[in-house]
């Protein structure tokens, strides 16, 4: 299972935000073809209770993945995920509004 291999590697080599590994480097190492596939692997690790360490991530050019070492890193990761979830929820409200507005015009 690729998740076990990626998780074990992160736990051994990428502890703490200062030791993150770039997405592309991690993908190359495990022959994961796309960014989307890599994000799915990380999501699977995060959601599986047998993987007890928290995988943090930083987006952007200087970003990558790491195992959270401090409470601050853990909270940053949680806040980042909550922020993205809230953005998606806001988008659904806008889309629902548009649907309702469109129906009113007909």
Protein backbone atom coordinates (compact mmCIF):
# COMPACT_ATOMS: atom_id res chain seq x y z
CA UNK A 1 0.00 0.00 0.00
CA UNK A 2 1.59 3.26 -1.17
CA UNK A 3 0.27 5.17 1.84
CA UNK A 4 2.31 3.01 4.22
CA UNK A 5 5.49 3.61 2.22
CA UNK A 6 4.97 7.38 1.97
CA UNK A 7 4.04 7.65 5.65
CA UNK A 8 7.09 5.63 6.76
CA UNK A 9 9.35 7.80 4.61
CA UNK A 10 7.92 11.05 5.97
CA UNK A 11 8.24 9.78 9.55
CA UNK A 12 11.89 8.85 8.98
CA UNK A 13 13.07 11.81 6.93
CA UNK A 14 10.70 14.77 7.12
CA UNK A 15 9.91 15.57 10.73
CA UNK A 16 8.99 19.22 11.28
CA UNK A 17 8.15 22.01 8.89
CA UNK A 18 11.83 22.89 8.43
CA UNK A 19 12.43 19.41 6.98
CA UNK A 20 9.58 19.26 4.50
CA UNK A 21 9.89 17.47 1.18
CA UNK A 22 8.58 19.04 -1.98
CA UNK A 23 5.52 17.43 -3.54
CA UNK A 24 7.36 16.77 -6.81
CA UNK A 25 10.32 15.13 -5.05
CA UNK A 26 8.03 12.86 -3.04
CA UNK A 27 6.08 11.95 -6.17
CA UNK A 28 9.28 11.09 -8.04
CA UNK A 29 10.54 8.94 -5.20
CA UNK A 30 7.35 6.85 -5.13
CA UNK A 31 6.54 7.09 -8.85
CA UNK A 32 3.25 8.86 -8.23
CA UNK A 33 2.22 10.32 -11.57
CA UNK A 34 0.16 13.39 -10.72
CA UNK A 35 -0.23 16.09 -8.11
CA UNK A 36 -3.85 15.01 -7.65
CA UNK A 37 -2.78 11.41 -6.93
CA UNK A 38 -0.22 12.64 -4.39
CA UNK A 39 -2.84 14.74 -2.61
CA UNK A 40 -5.10 11.66 -2.47
CA UNK A 41 -2.32 9.60 -0.88
CA UNK A 42 -1.80 12.32 1.76
CA UNK A 43 -5.56 12.54 2.36
CA UNK A 44 -5.73 8.77 2.82
CA UNK A 45 -2.89 8.92 5.34
CA UNK A 46 -4.56 11.76 7.24
CA UNK A 47 -7.90 9.95 7.39
CA UNK A 48 -6.55 6.53 8.42
CA UNK A 49 -6.46 6.13 12.21
CA UNK A 50 -3.54 3.67 12.07
CA UNK A 51 -1.27 6.51 10.91
CA UNK A 52 -0.99 8.34 14.22
CA UNK A 53 1.34 11.16 13.17
CA UNK A 54 -0.17 14.25 11.51
CA UNK A 55 1.04 15.05 8.00
CA UNK A 56 1.38 18.78 7.56
CA UNK A 57 1.62 20.58 4.25
CA UNK A 58 2.52 23.96 2.89
CA UNK A 59 1.25 25.00 -0.51
CA UNK A 60 3.08 27.05 -3.09
CA UNK A 61 6.51 27.00 -4.67
CA UNK A 62 8.37 26.55 -1.40
CA UNK A 63 5.80 24.11 -0.02
CA UNK A 64 5.71 20.39 0.56
CA UNK A 65 4.84 17.72 3.14
CA UNK A 66 6.18 16.93 6.59
CA UNK A 67 5.30 15.21 9.85
CA UNK A 68 4.09 17.75 12.40
CA UNK A 69 6.36 17.95 15.43
CA UNK A 70 4.95 20.85 17.43
CA UNK A 71 1.48 21.85 18.60
CA UNK A 72 1.85 24.95 16.40
CA UNK A 73 2.48 22.83 13.29
CA UNK A 74 -0.48 20.59 14.12
CA UNK A 75 -2.79 23.56 14.68
CA UNK A 76 -1.55 25.25 11.49
CA UNK A 77 -2.39 22.10 9.53
CA UNK A 78 -5.87 21.87 11.06
CA UNK A 79 -6.54 25.57 10.46
CA UNK A 80 -5.36 25.30 6.86
CA UNK A 81 -7.74 22.39 6.19
CA UNK A 82 -10.63 24.20 7.91
CA UNK A 83 -9.95 27.29 5.80
CA UNK A 84 -10.10 25.28 2.57
CA UNK A 85 -13.30 23.55 3.73
CA UNK A 86 -14.89 26.93 4.52
CA UNK A 87 -13.93 28.23 1.07
CA UNK A 88 -15.67 25.25 -0.54
CA UNK A 89 -18.74 25.73 1.63
CA UNK A 90 -18.93 29.41 0.64
CA UNK A 91 -18.66 28.38 -3.01
CA UNK A 92 -21.60 25.98 -2.63
CA UNK A 93 -23.70 28.81 -1.18
CA UNK A 94 -22.87 31.04 -4.15
CA UNK A 95 -23.69 28.27 -6.62
CA UNK A 96 -26.98 27.51 -4.86
CA UNK A 97 -27.81 31.21 -4.93
CA UNK A 98 -27.14 31.30 -8.68
CA UNK A 99 -29.36 28.27 -9.25
CA UNK A 100 -32.20 29.88 -7.31
CA UNK A 101 -31.70 33.23 -9.07
CA UNK A 102 -31.69 31.48 -12.46
CA UNK A 103 -34.95 29.65 -11.65
CA UNK A 104 -36.60 32.96 -10.71
CA UNK A 105 -35.81 34.39 -14.17
CA UNK A 106 -37.47 31.54 -16.06
